[in-house]
């Protein structure tokens, strides 16, 4: 485990969100970092698609960054069909 320095305002935002969503402050910060990281790695996916990716990876018992646990093409194809 490491320490990450963040602004007081960001800490206040994390604290508020963690209380509202019944997460620890650390869990909320990790959640936001994971979502942000995946959004940068997969800029064509929206928030709900990223959440689907995380759920599929969790069910597969692996990490979402592993190509073996989550096929991005399935999600993007689903989004393409849904947008018609």
Protein backbone atom coordinates (compact mmCIF):
# COMPACT_ATOMS: atom_id res chain seq x y z
CA UNK A 1 0.00 0.00 0.00
CA UNK A 2 1.23 3.47 -0.78
CA UNK A 3 0.29 7.00 0.05
CA UNK A 4 -1.11 9.43 -2.50
CA UNK A 5 -1.24 13.13 -1.77
CA UNK A 6 -4.43 14.83 -2.91
CA UNK A 7 -5.89 18.27 -2.38
CA UNK A 8 -8.13 19.03 0.58
CA UNK A 9 -11.02 19.68 -1.82
CA UNK A 10 -10.60 16.27 -3.49
CA UNK A 11 -10.43 14.61 -0.08
CA UNK A 12 -13.66 16.36 0.93
CA UNK A 13 -15.30 15.15 -2.31
CA UNK A 14 -14.13 11.59 -1.68
CA UNK A 15 -15.35 11.75 1.92
CA UNK A 16 -18.82 12.94 0.82
CA UNK A 17 -19.13 10.35 -1.94
CA UNK A 18 -17.91 7.55 0.33
CA UNK A 19 -20.55 8.38 2.93
CA UNK A 20 -23.31 8.60 0.33
CA UNK A 21 -22.30 5.32 -1.34
CA UNK A 22 -21.49 3.37 1.84
CA UNK A 23 -17.83 2.91 0.94
CA UNK A 24 -14.72 3.60 2.95
CA UNK A 25 -12.79 6.69 1.90
CA UNK A 26 -10.03 4.45 0.52
CA UNK A 27 -12.52 2.28 -1.39
CA UNK A 28 -14.17 5.36 -2.92
CA UNK A 29 -10.82 6.81 -4.00
CA UNK A 30 -9.78 3.46 -5.48
CA UNK A 31 -13.11 3.18 -7.32
CA UNK A 32 -12.70 6.63 -8.87
CA UNK A 33 -9.09 5.88 -9.83
CA UNK A 34 -10.08 2.58 -11.44
CA UNK A 35 -12.90 4.22 -13.42
CA UNK A 36 -10.62 7.06 -14.52
CA UNK A 37 -7.83 4.70 -15.53
CA UNK A 38 -10.20 2.57 -17.61
CA UNK A 39 -11.74 5.67 -19.20
CA UNK A 40 -8.28 6.76 -20.32
CA UNK A 41 -7.39 3.28 -21.59
CA UNK A 42 -10.72 2.87 -23.42
CA UNK A 43 -11.87 6.37 -24.45
CA UNK A 44 -14.69 5.05 -26.64
CA UNK A 45 -16.51 3.44 -23.70
CA UNK A 46 -19.03 5.32 -21.58
CA UNK A 47 -19.44 4.95 -17.82
CA UNK A 48 -22.01 2.15 -17.99
CA UNK A 49 -19.81 0.17 -20.38
CA UNK A 50 -16.85 0.56 -18.04
CA UNK A 51 -19.03 -0.69 -15.17
CA UNK A 52 -20.06 -3.68 -17.30
CA UNK A 53 -16.38 -4.37 -17.95
CA UNK A 54 -15.62 -4.30 -14.22
CA UNK A 55 -18.53 -6.63 -13.42
CA UNK A 56 -17.49 -9.12 -16.12
CA UNK A 57 -13.90 -9.07 -14.90
CA UNK A 58 -15.07 -9.65 -11.32
CA UNK A 59 -17.18 -12.63 -12.41
CA UNK A 60 -14.21 -14.01 -14.34
CA UNK A 61 -12.12 -13.76 -11.18
CA UNK A 62 -9.42 -11.64 -12.75
CA UNK A 63 -8.27 -8.16 -13.42
CA UNK A 64 -10.06 -5.96 -15.91
CA UNK A 65 -6.74 -5.06 -17.54
CA UNK A 66 -6.20 -8.64 -18.65
CA UNK A 67 -7.37 -9.31 -22.20
CA UNK A 68 -8.31 -12.84 -21.08
CA UNK A 69 -10.98 -11.72 -18.62
CA UNK A 70 -12.94 -9.20 -20.61
CA UNK A 71 -13.37 -8.88 -24.33
CA UNK A 72 -13.67 -5.17 -25.11
CA UNK A 73 -15.11 -5.97 -28.54
CA UNK A 74 -18.19 -7.54 -26.89
CA UNK A 75 -18.91 -4.33 -25.01
CA UNK A 76 -18.27 -2.03 -27.95
CA UNK A 77 -20.36 -4.22 -30.26
CA UNK A 78 -23.22 -4.19 -27.73
CA UNK A 79 -23.00 -0.40 -27.54
CA UNK A 80 -22.97 -0.08 -31.33
CA UNK A 81 -26.09 -2.25 -31.67
CA UNK A 82 -27.86 -0.46 -28.81
CA UNK A 83 -27.25 2.95 -30.37
CA UNK A 84 -29.12 2.08 -33.57
